[in-house]
Amino acid sequence: MADDKSEDQEPESEEAPEPAGGGKKKLIILIAALLLLAAGGGGAYFFIFSGGGAATATVELPAPPIYHDFQSLTVDLKTDRCRSPYLKFQPTIQLSATHLPRLKEAEVKIIDNINTYLRSQTRSDLVGKEGADKLRAGIIGIINREIAPAKALTVLFKEFIIQ
């Protein structure tokens, strides 16, 4: 009977490690399956909500884009001192050729709105790349409000001096 007990004990000790190893395998398979599902879901989201990839991401314009130069503008910037810094710049607007008449028609109002916008800006607001990008976004917003439903594509600066 002593042999029977030792035989009974050996299978128990052999069976005990297998579930622990099997549990680790199941956990690894479960994690791998979750990662695969997440990657598949992310890929599906990208293709559904981004328009299906780079081939469909191009924007079709009604006419080829053109560039329209505005006059050079010089504006005093906001300050608490008697002598204020100024910005001198010349914006160039990129837009569809079909929208150019609308831009030219609203140009005086656009320049006035740009001057008003800039007088509320300080020198530190416009310094560096971040400042130029902020100015670009502000000007695009002004232009697009005035020529709506047409839209300008971008604003480039031929001249940009802050003193």
N, C-alpha and C. Protein backbone atom coordinates (compact mmCIF):
# COMPACT_ATOMS: atom_id res chain seq x y z
N MET A 1 0.80 -1.19 0.00
CA MET A 1 0.00 0.00 0.00
C MET A 1 0.84 1.24 0.00
N ALA A 2 2.02 1.06 0.57
CA ALA A 2 2.93 2.20 0.55
C ALA A 2 3.24 2.56 -0.88
N ASP A 3 3.34 1.51 -1.72
CA ASP A 3 3.61 1.77 -3.13
C ASP A 3 2.43 2.45 -3.78
N ASP A 4 1.20 2.09 -3.36
CA ASP A 4 0.01 2.72 -3.92
C ASP A 4 -0.02 4.20 -3.59
N LYS A 5 0.38 4.57 -2.36
CA LYS A 5 0.38 5.98 -1.99
C LYS A 5 1.40 6.76 -2.78
N SER A 6 2.57 6.16 -2.98
CA SER A 6 3.60 6.87 -3.73
C SER A 6 3.19 7.01 -5.20
N GLU A 7 2.50 6.01 -5.72
CA GLU A 7 2.01 6.12 -7.09
C GLU A 7 0.93 7.18 -7.19
N ASP A 8 0.08 7.26 -6.15
CA ASP A 8 -0.97 8.28 -6.14
C ASP A 8 -0.36 9.67 -6.02
N GLN A 9 0.70 9.81 -5.30
CA GLN A 9 1.30 11.13 -5.08
C GLN A 9 2.03 11.61 -6.33
N GLU A 10 2.66 10.72 -7.04
CA GLU A 10 3.43 11.13 -8.21
C GLU A 10 2.53 11.74 -9.29
N PRO A 11 1.40 11.13 -9.63
CA PRO A 11 0.55 11.76 -10.64
C PRO A 11 0.03 13.12 -10.18
N GLU A 12 -0.28 13.28 -8.88
CA GLU A 12 -0.75 14.57 -8.41
C GLU A 12 0.33 15.62 -8.60
N SER A 13 1.56 15.30 -8.28
CA SER A 13 2.64 16.28 -8.43
C SER A 13 2.92 16.56 -9.90
N GLU A 14 2.72 15.59 -10.76
CA GLU A 14 2.91 15.81 -12.19
C GLU A 14 1.79 16.66 -12.77
N GLU A 15 0.57 16.54 -12.29
CA GLU A 15 -0.56 17.29 -12.80
C GLU A 15 -0.56 18.73 -12.30
N ALA A 16 -0.03 18.99 -11.16
CA ALA A 16 -0.07 20.33 -10.58
C ALA A 16 0.68 21.36 -11.44
N PRO A 17 1.87 21.10 -11.97
CA PRO A 17 2.55 22.11 -12.78
C PRO A 17 1.87 22.37 -14.12
N GLU A 18 1.20 21.42 -14.69
CA GLU A 18 0.58 21.61 -16.00
C GLU A 18 -0.48 22.72 -16.00
N PRO A 19 -1.38 22.79 -15.04
CA PRO A 19 -2.35 23.87 -15.08
C PRO A 19 -1.69 25.24 -14.95
N ALA A 20 -0.64 25.35 -14.16
CA ALA A 20 0.03 26.63 -14.01
C ALA A 20 0.65 27.05 -15.34
N GLY A 21 1.32 26.15 -16.02
CA GLY A 21 1.89 26.44 -17.33
C GLY A 21 0.80 26.67 -18.36
N GLY A 22 -0.25 25.92 -18.30
CA GLY A 22 -1.38 26.08 -19.21
C GLY A 22 -2.06 27.42 -18.99
N GLY A 23 -2.11 27.89 -17.77
CA GLY A 23 -2.70 29.19 -17.46
C GLY A 23 -1.88 30.31 -18.08
N LYS A 24 -0.57 30.18 -18.04
CA LYS A 24 0.31 31.19 -18.65
C LYS A 24 0.12 31.21 -20.16
N LYS A 25 0.01 30.02 -20.74
CA LYS A 25 -0.20 29.94 -22.19
C LYS A 25 -1.52 30.58 -22.57
N LYS A 26 -2.56 30.32 -21.78
CA LYS A 26 -3.87 30.90 -22.06
C LYS A 26 -3.82 32.42 -21.94
N LEU A 27 -3.09 32.92 -20.95
CA LEU A 27 -2.96 34.36 -20.75
C LEU A 27 -2.23 34.99 -21.93
N ILE A 28 -1.16 34.37 -22.38
CA ILE A 28 -0.40 34.89 -23.53
C ILE A 28 -1.27 34.88 -24.79
N ILE A 29 -2.01 33.82 -25.00
CA ILE A 29 -2.90 33.74 -26.18
C ILE A 29 -3.99 34.80 -26.09
N LEU A 30 -4.54 35.01 -24.89
CA LEU A 30 -5.57 36.02 -24.70
C LEU A 30 -5.02 37.42 -24.98
N ILE A 31 -3.85 37.73 -24.48
CA ILE A 31 -3.23 39.04 -24.72
C ILE A 31 -2.94 39.24 -26.21
N ALA A 32 -2.40 38.21 -26.86
CA ALA A 32 -2.13 38.29 -28.29
C ALA A 32 -3.41 38.52 -29.09
N ALA A 33 -4.46 37.83 -28.71
CA ALA A 33 -5.75 38.01 -29.40
C ALA A 33 -6.28 39.42 -29.20
N LEU A 34 -6.17 39.97 -27.99
CA LEU A 34 -6.62 41.33 -27.73
C LEU A 34 -5.82 42.35 -28.53
N LEU A 35 -4.51 42.15 -28.59
CA LEU A 35 -3.66 43.05 -29.38
C LEU A 35 -4.02 42.98 -30.87
N LEU A 36 -4.28 41.79 -31.35
CA LEU A 36 -4.66 41.62 -32.74
C LEU A 36 -6.00 42.30 -33.03
N LEU A 37 -6.95 42.16 -32.13
CA LEU A 37 -8.24 42.82 -32.29
C LEU A 37 -8.10 44.34 -32.24
N ALA A 38 -7.26 44.84 -31.34
CA ALA A 38 -7.06 46.28 -31.23
C ALA A 38 -6.40 46.82 -32.49
N ALA A 39 -5.41 46.11 -33.01
CA ALA A 39 -4.75 46.55 -34.25
C ALA A 39 -5.72 46.52 -35.42
N GLY A 40 -6.52 45.49 -35.51
CA GLY A 40 -7.51 45.40 -36.58
C GLY A 40 -8.55 46.49 -36.47
N GLY A 41 -9.01 46.76 -35.26
CA GLY A 41 -9.98 47.83 -35.04
C GLY A 41 -9.40 49.19 -35.36
N GLY A 42 -8.13 49.42 -34.99
CA GLY A 42 -7.48 50.68 -35.31
C GLY A 42 -7.32 50.86 -36.81
N GLY A 43 -6.95 49.81 -37.49
CA GLY A 43 -6.83 49.88 -38.96
C GLY A 43 -8.16 50.15 -39.62
N ALA A 44 -9.22 49.49 -39.14
CA ALA A 44 -10.55 49.72 -39.69
C ALA A 44 -10.99 51.15 -39.44
N TYR A 45 -10.74 51.67 -38.25
CA TYR A 45 -11.10 53.06 -37.92
C TYR A 45 -10.37 54.01 -38.87
N PHE A 46 -9.08 53.77 -39.08
CA PHE A 46 -8.29 54.64 -39.96
C PHE A 46 -8.88 54.67 -41.36
N PHE A 47 -9.18 53.52 -41.92
CA PHE A 47 -9.67 53.48 -43.29
C PHE A 47 -11.11 54.00 -43.42
N ILE A 48 -11.91 53.80 -42.41
CA ILE A 48 -13.29 54.28 -42.47
C ILE A 48 -13.36 55.78 -42.31
N PHE A 49 -12.66 56.31 -41.29
CA PHE A 49 -12.81 57.72 -40.96
C PHE A 49 -11.78 58.63 -41.62
N SER A 50 -10.75 58.09 -42.24
CA SER A 50 -9.78 58.95 -42.91
C SER A 50 -10.02 58.99 -44.41
N GLY A 51 -11.01 58.34 -44.88
CA GLY A 51 -11.32 58.38 -46.30
C GLY A 51 -10.68 57.26 -47.09
N GLY A 52 -10.08 56.29 -46.43
CA GLY A 52 -9.59 55.13 -47.13
C GLY A 52 -8.13 55.18 -47.52
N GLY A 53 -7.38 56.14 -47.04
CA GLY A 53 -5.96 56.15 -47.31
C GLY A 53 -5.52 57.36 -48.10
N ALA A 54 -4.24 57.37 -48.47
CA ALA A 54 -3.64 58.54 -49.11
C ALA A 54 -4.21 58.81 -50.49
N ALA A 55 -4.67 57.80 -51.18
CA ALA A 55 -5.19 58.00 -52.53
C ALA A 55 -6.42 58.90 -52.54
N THR A 56 -7.24 58.85 -51.50
CA THR A 56 -8.44 59.66 -51.46
C THR A 56 -8.27 60.92 -50.62
N ALA A 57 -7.07 61.16 -50.07
CA ALA A 57 -6.85 62.32 -49.21
C ALA A 57 -6.58 63.59 -50.00
N THR A 58 -6.41 63.50 -51.31
CA THR A 58 -6.15 64.70 -52.10
C THR A 58 -7.41 65.53 -52.22
N VAL A 59 -7.22 66.84 -52.24
CA VAL A 59 -8.34 67.77 -52.32
C VAL A 59 -8.48 68.22 -53.77
N GLU A 60 -9.66 68.06 -54.29
CA GLU A 60 -9.93 68.50 -55.64
C GLU A 60 -10.37 69.96 -55.62
N LEU A 61 -9.68 70.80 -56.36
CA LEU A 61 -10.03 72.21 -56.45
C LEU A 61 -10.80 72.44 -57.74
N PRO A 62 -11.72 73.42 -57.74
CA PRO A 62 -12.48 73.70 -58.95
C PRO A 62 -11.60 74.25 -60.07
N ALA A 63 -10.47 74.84 -59.71
CA ALA A 63 -9.53 75.37 -60.70
C ALA A 63 -8.13 75.28 -60.09
N PRO A 64 -7.10 75.43 -60.91
CA PRO A 64 -5.75 75.34 -60.34
C PRO A 64 -5.51 76.45 -59.32
N PRO A 65 -4.69 76.18 -58.30
CA PRO A 65 -4.42 77.22 -57.30
C PRO A 65 -3.54 78.32 -57.89
N ILE A 66 -3.79 79.53 -57.42
CA ILE A 66 -2.99 80.68 -57.83
C ILE A 66 -2.56 81.42 -56.58
N TYR A 67 -1.66 82.38 -56.75
CA TYR A 67 -1.18 83.20 -55.65
C TYR A 67 -1.57 84.64 -55.91
N HIS A 68 -2.10 85.29 -54.88
CA HIS A 68 -2.47 86.70 -54.99
C HIS A 68 -1.71 87.48 -53.93
N ASP A 69 -0.93 88.48 -54.36
CA ASP A 69 -0.16 89.30 -53.43
C ASP A 69 -1.01 90.44 -52.89
N PHE A 70 -1.02 90.58 -51.58
CA PHE A 70 -1.59 91.77 -50.97
C PHE A 70 -0.50 92.82 -50.90
N GLN A 71 -0.90 94.05 -50.69
CA GLN A 71 0.08 95.12 -50.53
C GLN A 71 0.87 94.89 -49.24
N SER A 72 2.02 95.51 -49.15
CA SER A 72 2.82 95.44 -47.94
C SER A 72 2.10 96.21 -46.83
N LEU A 73 2.01 95.61 -45.66
CA LEU A 73 1.28 96.22 -44.53
C LEU A 73 2.26 96.52 -43.40
N THR A 74 2.10 97.68 -42.77
CA THR A 74 2.87 98.05 -41.59
C THR A 74 1.88 98.40 -40.49
N VAL A 75 2.01 97.71 -39.35
CA VAL A 75 1.03 97.85 -38.28
C VAL A 75 1.76 98.01 -36.94
N ASP A 76 1.27 98.97 -36.13
CA ASP A 76 1.76 99.10 -34.76
C ASP A 76 1.17 97.97 -33.94
N LEU A 77 2.03 97.34 -33.14
CA LEU A 77 1.56 96.26 -32.29
C LEU A 77 1.17 96.79 -30.92
N LYS A 78 0.40 96.03 -30.20
CA LYS A 78 -0.09 96.41 -28.88
C LYS A 78 1.07 96.46 -27.89
N THR A 79 1.09 97.52 -27.07
CA THR A 79 2.11 97.66 -26.04
C THR A 79 1.61 98.61 -24.96
N ASP A 80 2.29 98.61 -23.82
CA ASP A 80 1.95 99.53 -22.74
C ASP A 80 2.86 100.76 -22.75
N ARG A 81 3.83 100.79 -23.65
CA ARG A 81 4.79 101.89 -23.71
C ARG A 81 4.35 102.93 -24.73
N CYS A 82 5.02 104.07 -24.68
CA CYS A 82 4.72 105.15 -25.63
C CYS A 82 5.15 104.76 -27.04
N ARG A 83 6.32 104.18 -27.13
CA ARG A 83 6.83 103.78 -28.44
C ARG A 83 6.53 102.30 -28.64
N SER A 84 5.71 102.00 -29.62
CA SER A 84 5.30 100.61 -29.82
C SER A 84 6.09 99.96 -30.95
N PRO A 85 6.30 98.64 -30.84
CA PRO A 85 6.93 97.92 -31.95
C PRO A 85 5.97 97.83 -33.12
N TYR A 86 6.52 97.58 -34.28
CA TYR A 86 5.64 97.44 -35.44
C TYR A 86 6.01 96.20 -36.23
N LEU A 87 5.06 95.77 -37.02
CA LEU A 87 5.23 94.63 -37.91
C LEU A 87 5.04 95.12 -39.33
N LYS A 88 5.99 94.76 -40.17
CA LYS A 88 5.87 95.05 -41.60
C LYS A 88 5.91 93.69 -42.31
N PHE A 89 4.88 93.45 -43.11
CA PHE A 89 4.83 92.16 -43.81
C PHE A 89 4.01 92.29 -45.08
N GLN A 90 4.25 91.34 -45.98
CA GLN A 90 3.47 91.29 -47.21
C GLN A 90 2.94 89.87 -47.37
N PRO A 91 1.64 89.71 -47.19
CA PRO A 91 1.06 88.37 -47.32
C PRO A 91 0.74 88.04 -48.78
N THR A 92 0.91 86.77 -49.11
CA THR A 92 0.52 86.23 -50.40
C THR A 92 -0.48 85.12 -50.12
N ILE A 93 -1.62 85.19 -50.76
CA ILE A 93 -2.71 84.25 -50.50
C ILE A 93 -2.77 83.21 -51.61
N GLN A 94 -2.83 81.94 -51.24
CA GLN A 94 -3.01 80.87 -52.22
C GLN A 94 -4.47 80.43 -52.17
N LEU A 95 -5.11 80.44 -53.33
CA LEU A 95 -6.51 80.03 -53.42
C LEU A 95 -6.80 79.55 -54.83
N SER A 96 -7.97 78.99 -55.01
CA SER A 96 -8.40 78.53 -56.32
C SER A 96 -8.63 79.74 -57.22
N ALA A 97 -8.29 79.60 -58.49
CA ALA A 97 -8.43 80.70 -59.44
C ALA A 97 -9.88 81.18 -59.55
N THR A 98 -10.84 80.29 -59.34
CA THR A 98 -12.25 80.69 -59.43
C THR A 98 -12.66 81.60 -58.27
N HIS A 99 -11.90 81.59 -57.17
CA HIS A 99 -12.24 82.41 -56.01
C HIS A 99 -11.55 83.77 -56.02
N LEU A 100 -10.66 84.02 -56.97
CA LEU A 100 -9.92 85.28 -57.01
C LEU A 100 -10.82 86.50 -57.12
N PRO A 101 -11.85 86.53 -57.97
CA PRO A 101 -12.70 87.72 -58.02
C PRO A 101 -13.35 88.04 -56.67
N ARG A 102 -13.75 87.02 -55.96
CA ARG A 102 -14.36 87.23 -54.64
C ARG A 102 -13.34 87.80 -53.66
N LEU A 103 -12.09 87.33 -53.73
CA LEU A 103 -11.02 87.84 -52.86
C LEU A 103 -10.72 89.31 -53.18
N LYS A 104 -10.62 89.63 -54.46
CA LYS A 104 -10.33 91.01 -54.86
C LYS A 104 -11.45 91.95 -54.43
N GLU A 105 -12.68 91.48 -54.52
CA GLU A 105 -13.84 92.29 -54.12
C GLU A 105 -13.81 92.61 -52.62
N ALA A 106 -13.34 91.67 -51.82
CA ALA A 106 -13.33 91.84 -50.36
C ALA A 106 -11.98 92.30 -49.82
N GLU A 107 -11.02 92.59 -50.69
CA GLU A 107 -9.65 92.88 -50.26
C GLU A 107 -9.56 94.05 -49.28
N VAL A 108 -10.28 95.13 -49.51
CA VAL A 108 -10.21 96.29 -48.62
C VAL A 108 -10.71 95.92 -47.23
N LYS A 109 -11.82 95.19 -47.14
CA LYS A 109 -12.33 94.76 -45.84
C LYS A 109 -11.38 93.79 -45.16
N ILE A 110 -10.76 92.92 -45.94
CA ILE A 110 -9.81 91.95 -45.39
C ILE A 110 -8.61 92.68 -44.79
N ILE A 111 -8.06 93.64 -45.51
CA ILE A 111 -6.90 94.40 -45.01
C ILE A 111 -7.27 95.16 -43.73
N ASP A 112 -8.44 95.76 -43.70
CA ASP A 112 -8.89 96.46 -42.50
C ASP A 112 -9.00 95.49 -41.32
N ASN A 113 -9.58 94.33 -41.54
CA ASN A 113 -9.71 93.33 -40.47
C ASN A 113 -8.36 92.79 -40.02
N ILE A 114 -7.41 92.64 -40.94
CA ILE A 114 -6.07 92.20 -40.58
C ILE A 114 -5.39 93.26 -39.71
N ASN A 115 -5.52 94.54 -40.10
CA ASN A 115 -4.95 95.62 -39.29
C ASN A 115 -5.54 95.64 -37.88
N THR A 116 -6.83 95.48 -37.77
CA THR A 116 -7.50 95.46 -36.46
C THR A 116 -7.02 94.27 -35.64
N TYR A 117 -6.92 93.12 -36.26
CA TYR A 117 -6.44 91.91 -35.58
C TYR A 117 -5.02 92.10 -35.07
N LEU A 118 -4.15 92.67 -35.91
CA LEU A 118 -2.75 92.83 -35.51
C LEU A 118 -2.56 93.86 -34.41
N ARG A 119 -3.40 94.86 -34.35
CA ARG A 119 -3.27 95.87 -33.30
C ARG A 119 -3.59 95.30 -31.92
N SER A 120 -4.20 94.14 -31.87
CA SER A 120 -4.47 93.48 -30.58
C SER A 120 -3.37 92.48 -30.22
N GLN A 121 -2.36 92.34 -31.07
CA GLN A 121 -1.27 91.39 -30.84
C GLN A 121 -0.05 92.12 -30.27
N THR A 122 0.70 91.44 -29.42
CA THR A 122 1.95 91.99 -28.91
C THR A 122 3.11 91.42 -29.71
N ARG A 123 4.27 92.03 -29.53
CA ARG A 123 5.47 91.55 -30.23
C ARG A 123 5.75 90.09 -29.87
N SER A 124 5.64 89.76 -28.60
CA SER A 124 5.92 88.39 -28.16
C SER A 124 4.93 87.38 -28.74
N ASP A 125 3.73 87.83 -29.10
CA ASP A 125 2.75 86.93 -29.72
C ASP A 125 3.18 86.49 -31.12
N LEU A 126 4.00 87.30 -31.78
CA LEU A 126 4.30 87.07 -33.19
C LEU A 126 5.74 86.62 -33.46
N VAL A 127 6.56 86.53 -32.42
CA VAL A 127 7.97 86.17 -32.61
C VAL A 127 8.12 84.67 -32.82
N GLY A 128 9.02 84.29 -33.71
CA GLY A 128 9.34 82.89 -33.94
C GLY A 128 8.36 82.18 -34.86
N LYS A 129 8.62 80.90 -35.05
CA LYS A 129 7.77 80.08 -35.93
C LYS A 129 6.34 79.99 -35.40
N GLU A 130 6.20 79.84 -34.08
CA GLU A 130 4.87 79.75 -33.49
C GLU A 130 4.08 81.03 -33.73
N GLY A 131 4.77 82.17 -33.61
CA GLY A 131 4.12 83.45 -33.85
C GLY A 131 3.68 83.61 -35.29
N ALA A 132 4.55 83.20 -36.23
CA ALA A 132 4.21 83.29 -37.65
C ALA A 132 3.04 82.36 -37.98
N ASP A 133 3.04 81.17 -37.38
CA ASP A 133 1.94 80.23 -37.60
C ASP A 133 0.62 80.76 -37.03
N LYS A 134 0.71 81.41 -35.86
CA LYS A 134 -0.49 82.01 -35.26
C LYS A 134 -1.02 83.13 -36.15
N LEU A 135 -0.13 83.96 -36.67
CA LEU A 135 -0.53 85.04 -37.57
C LEU A 135 -1.15 84.47 -38.84
N ARG A 136 -0.53 83.44 -39.39
CA ARG A 136 -1.04 82.79 -40.60
C ARG A 136 -2.47 82.27 -40.38
N ALA A 137 -2.69 81.61 -39.25
CA ALA A 137 -4.02 81.07 -38.94
C ALA A 137 -5.03 82.20 -38.76
N GLY A 138 -4.63 83.28 -38.11
CA GLY A 138 -5.53 84.42 -37.92
C GLY A 138 -5.93 85.05 -39.23
N ILE A 139 -4.96 85.22 -40.13
CA ILE A 139 -5.25 85.82 -41.44
C ILE A 139 -6.13 84.91 -42.28
N ILE A 140 -5.85 83.62 -42.27
CA ILE A 140 -6.70 82.67 -43.01
C ILE A 140 -8.13 82.74 -42.50
N GLY A 141 -8.32 82.82 -41.18
CA GLY A 141 -9.65 82.92 -40.62
C GLY A 141 -10.37 84.18 -41.08
N ILE A 142 -9.66 85.30 -41.10
CA ILE A 142 -10.24 86.57 -41.56
C ILE A 142 -10.65 86.47 -43.02
N ILE A 143 -9.76 85.97 -43.85
CA ILE A 143 -10.03 85.86 -45.29
C ILE A 143 -11.22 84.94 -45.55
N ASN A 144 -11.21 83.79 -44.92
CA ASN A 144 -12.28 82.82 -45.16
C ASN A 144 -13.64 83.32 -44.70
N ARG A 145 -13.67 84.14 -43.63
CA ARG A 145 -14.95 84.74 -43.21
C ARG A 145 -15.45 85.73 -44.26
N GLU A 146 -14.55 86.48 -44.87
CA GLU A 146 -14.95 87.51 -45.83
C GLU A 146 -15.32 86.95 -47.21
N ILE A 147 -14.70 85.83 -47.60
CA ILE A 147 -14.97 85.30 -48.95
C ILE A 147 -15.82 84.04 -48.93
N ALA A 148 -16.38 83.70 -47.77
CA ALA A 148 -17.20 82.49 -47.65
C ALA A 148 -18.31 82.49 -48.71
N PRO A 149 -18.61 81.37 -49.28
CA PRO A 149 -18.22 80.00 -48.97
C PRO A 149 -16.89 79.60 -49.60
N ALA A 150 -16.25 80.49 -50.37
CA ALA A 150 -14.93 80.19 -50.92
C ALA A 150 -13.92 80.11 -49.77
N LYS A 151 -12.80 79.48 -50.03
CA LYS A 151 -11.77 79.34 -48.99
C LYS A 151 -10.40 79.56 -49.57
N ALA A 152 -9.57 80.27 -48.80
CA ALA A 152 -8.16 80.41 -49.13
C ALA A 152 -7.45 79.16 -48.63
N LEU A 153 -6.43 78.72 -49.36
CA LEU A 153 -5.71 77.51 -48.98
C LEU A 153 -4.64 77.79 -47.93
N THR A 154 -3.86 78.85 -48.15
CA THR A 154 -2.80 79.19 -47.21
C THR A 154 -2.39 80.64 -47.38
N VAL A 155 -1.61 81.12 -46.42
CA VAL A 155 -1.03 82.46 -46.48
C VAL A 155 0.47 82.28 -46.39
N LEU A 156 1.17 82.90 -47.30
CA LEU A 156 2.63 82.91 -47.29
C LEU A 156 3.10 84.34 -47.03
N PHE A 157 4.29 84.50 -46.50
CA PHE A 157 4.82 85.83 -46.21
C PHE A 157 6.03 86.10 -47.09
N LYS A 158 5.94 87.11 -47.96
CA LYS A 158 7.08 87.53 -48.77
C LYS A 158 8.03 88.38 -47.93
N GLU A 159 7.47 89.09 -46.98
CA GLU A 159 8.24 89.97 -46.11
C GLU A 159 7.63 89.84 -44.72
N PHE A 160 8.51 89.79 -43.70
CA PHE A 160 8.03 89.65 -42.33
C PHE A 160 9.08 90.24 -41.41
N ILE A 161 8.87 91.49 -40.99
CA ILE A 161 9.83 92.20 -40.14
C ILE A 161 9.11 92.72 -38.91
N ILE A 162 9.65 92.39 -37.74
CA ILE A 162 9.14 92.93 -36.49
C ILE A 162 10.23 93.79 -35.89
N GLN A 163 9.92 95.07 -35.61
CA GLN A 163 10.88 95.97 -34.99
C GLN A 163 10.26 96.68 -33.84
